[in-house]
Amino acid sequence: MNELIISDDRIKLLFYTAGLFVTTVAAMLLISAFLNIGQYLGVFLSITLLWFSVKYMCAYAKRMLCATPVCVFGNDTVKIYPLLVKPDSWLMTK
């Protein structure tokens, strides 16, 4: 079976994970700062930032630790592994 596996750059994933970790810590500091001065719109926006940064940080870290490839080309199949969609979703072509 002839396959071509395109793997992801592990250094890029490491930098994305580290950058999102710094963003997560900054969002936590923003939440505490906005709570102290009573700006609740800023608190809401900071919590939203925190939610998405943790979501993507975990997705990139999981992809890095599990060594998930970007895509696999087989003889008659192409499997694409997106970042946040489960592998058995409709994006997987057979």
Protein backbone atom coordinates (compact mmCIF):
# COMPACT_ATOMS: atom_id res chain seq x y z
CA MET A 1 0.00 0.00 0.00
CA ASN A 2 1.55 3.27 -1.13
CA GLU A 3 0.87 6.12 1.26
CA LEU A 4 2.12 9.64 1.55
CA ILE A 5 1.80 11.08 5.05
CA ILE A 6 2.17 14.83 5.51
CA SER A 7 3.09 15.52 9.12
CA ASP A 8 2.70 18.78 11.00
CA ASP A 9 5.62 20.95 12.06
CA ARG A 10 6.16 20.21 15.76
CA ILE A 11 8.09 23.46 16.40
CA LYS A 12 5.18 25.49 14.98
CA LEU A 13 2.74 23.60 17.20
CA LEU A 14 4.98 24.20 20.23
CA PHE A 15 5.07 27.95 19.56
CA TYR A 16 1.30 28.08 18.99
CA THR A 17 0.70 26.24 22.27
CA ALA A 18 3.12 28.48 24.20
CA GLY A 19 1.64 31.64 22.67
CA LEU A 20 -1.88 30.58 23.57
CA PHE A 21 -0.72 29.77 27.11
CA VAL A 22 0.60 33.33 27.45
CA THR A 23 -2.72 34.61 26.04
CA THR A 24 -4.58 32.52 28.64
CA VAL A 25 -2.57 33.98 31.51
CA ALA A 26 -3.05 37.51 30.12
CA ALA A 27 -6.81 36.93 29.87
CA MET A 28 -6.90 35.83 33.51
CA LEU A 29 -5.07 39.00 34.52
CA LEU A 30 -7.47 41.09 32.44
CA ILE A 31 -10.45 39.44 34.13
CA SER A 32 -9.12 40.29 37.58
CA ALA A 33 -8.26 43.86 36.54
CA PHE A 34 -11.69 44.50 35.03
CA LEU A 35 -13.42 43.00 38.06
CA ASN A 36 -11.54 45.39 40.35
CA ILE A 37 -12.69 48.50 38.48
CA GLY A 38 -16.22 47.24 37.77
CA GLN A 39 -16.06 47.12 33.97
CA TYR A 40 -18.26 44.09 33.34
CA LEU A 41 -18.18 44.34 29.54
CA GLY A 42 -14.39 43.97 29.77
CA VAL A 43 -14.87 40.98 32.07
CA PHE A 44 -17.23 39.35 29.56
CA LEU A 45 -14.85 39.93 26.64
CA SER A 46 -11.89 38.66 28.68
CA ILE A 47 -13.79 35.49 29.62
CA THR A 48 -14.58 34.96 25.94
CA LEU A 49 -10.89 35.40 25.09
CA LEU A 50 -9.99 32.95 27.86
CA TRP A 51 -12.46 30.36 26.54
CA PHE A 52 -11.14 30.40 22.97
CA SER A 53 -7.47 30.55 23.94
CA VAL A 54 -7.82 27.47 26.20
CA LYS A 55 -9.83 25.67 23.51
CA TYR A 56 -7.22 26.19 20.80
CA MET A 57 -4.27 25.71 23.19
CA CYS A 58 -5.56 22.24 24.08
CA ALA A 59 -6.23 21.41 20.43
CA TYR A 60 -2.70 22.36 19.35
CA ALA A 61 -1.13 20.59 22.33
CA LYS A 62 -3.12 17.42 21.61
CA ARG A 63 -2.09 17.49 17.96
CA MET A 64 1.55 17.94 18.97
CA LEU A 65 1.56 15.21 21.64
CA CYS A 66 -0.37 12.63 19.58
CA ALA A 67 1.67 13.37 16.42
CA THR A 68 -1.48 13.61 14.29
CA PRO A 69 -0.63 14.15 10.61
CA VAL A 70 -2.16 16.89 8.48
CA CYS A 71 -3.34 14.48 5.81
CA VAL A 72 -2.70 10.97 4.51
CA PHE A 73 -2.84 10.15 0.79
CA GLY A 74 -3.56 6.48 0.07
CA ASN A 75 -4.12 4.62 -3.17
CA ASP A 76 -7.81 5.42 -3.30
CA THR A 77 -8.39 7.55 -0.17
CA VAL A 78 -7.45 10.95 1.17
CA LYS A 79 -7.78 11.46 4.91
CA ILE A 80 -7.67 15.04 6.18
CA TYR A 81 -7.27 15.58 9.92
CA PRO A 82 -8.67 19.02 10.85
CA LEU A 83 -7.71 20.73 14.09
CA LEU A 84 -10.97 20.77 16.06
CA VAL A 85 -13.22 18.25 14.31
CA LYS A 86 -13.40 14.61 15.37
CA PRO A 87 -11.67 12.21 12.95
CA ASP A 88 -14.93 10.38 12.12
CA SER A 89 -16.66 13.51 10.86
CA TRP A 90 -17.88 14.29 7.34
CA LEU A 91 -14.58 16.00 6.51
CA MET A 92 -12.89 12.62 6.24
CA THR A 93 -13.17 11.56 2.61
CA LYS A 94 -13.23 7.89 1.71
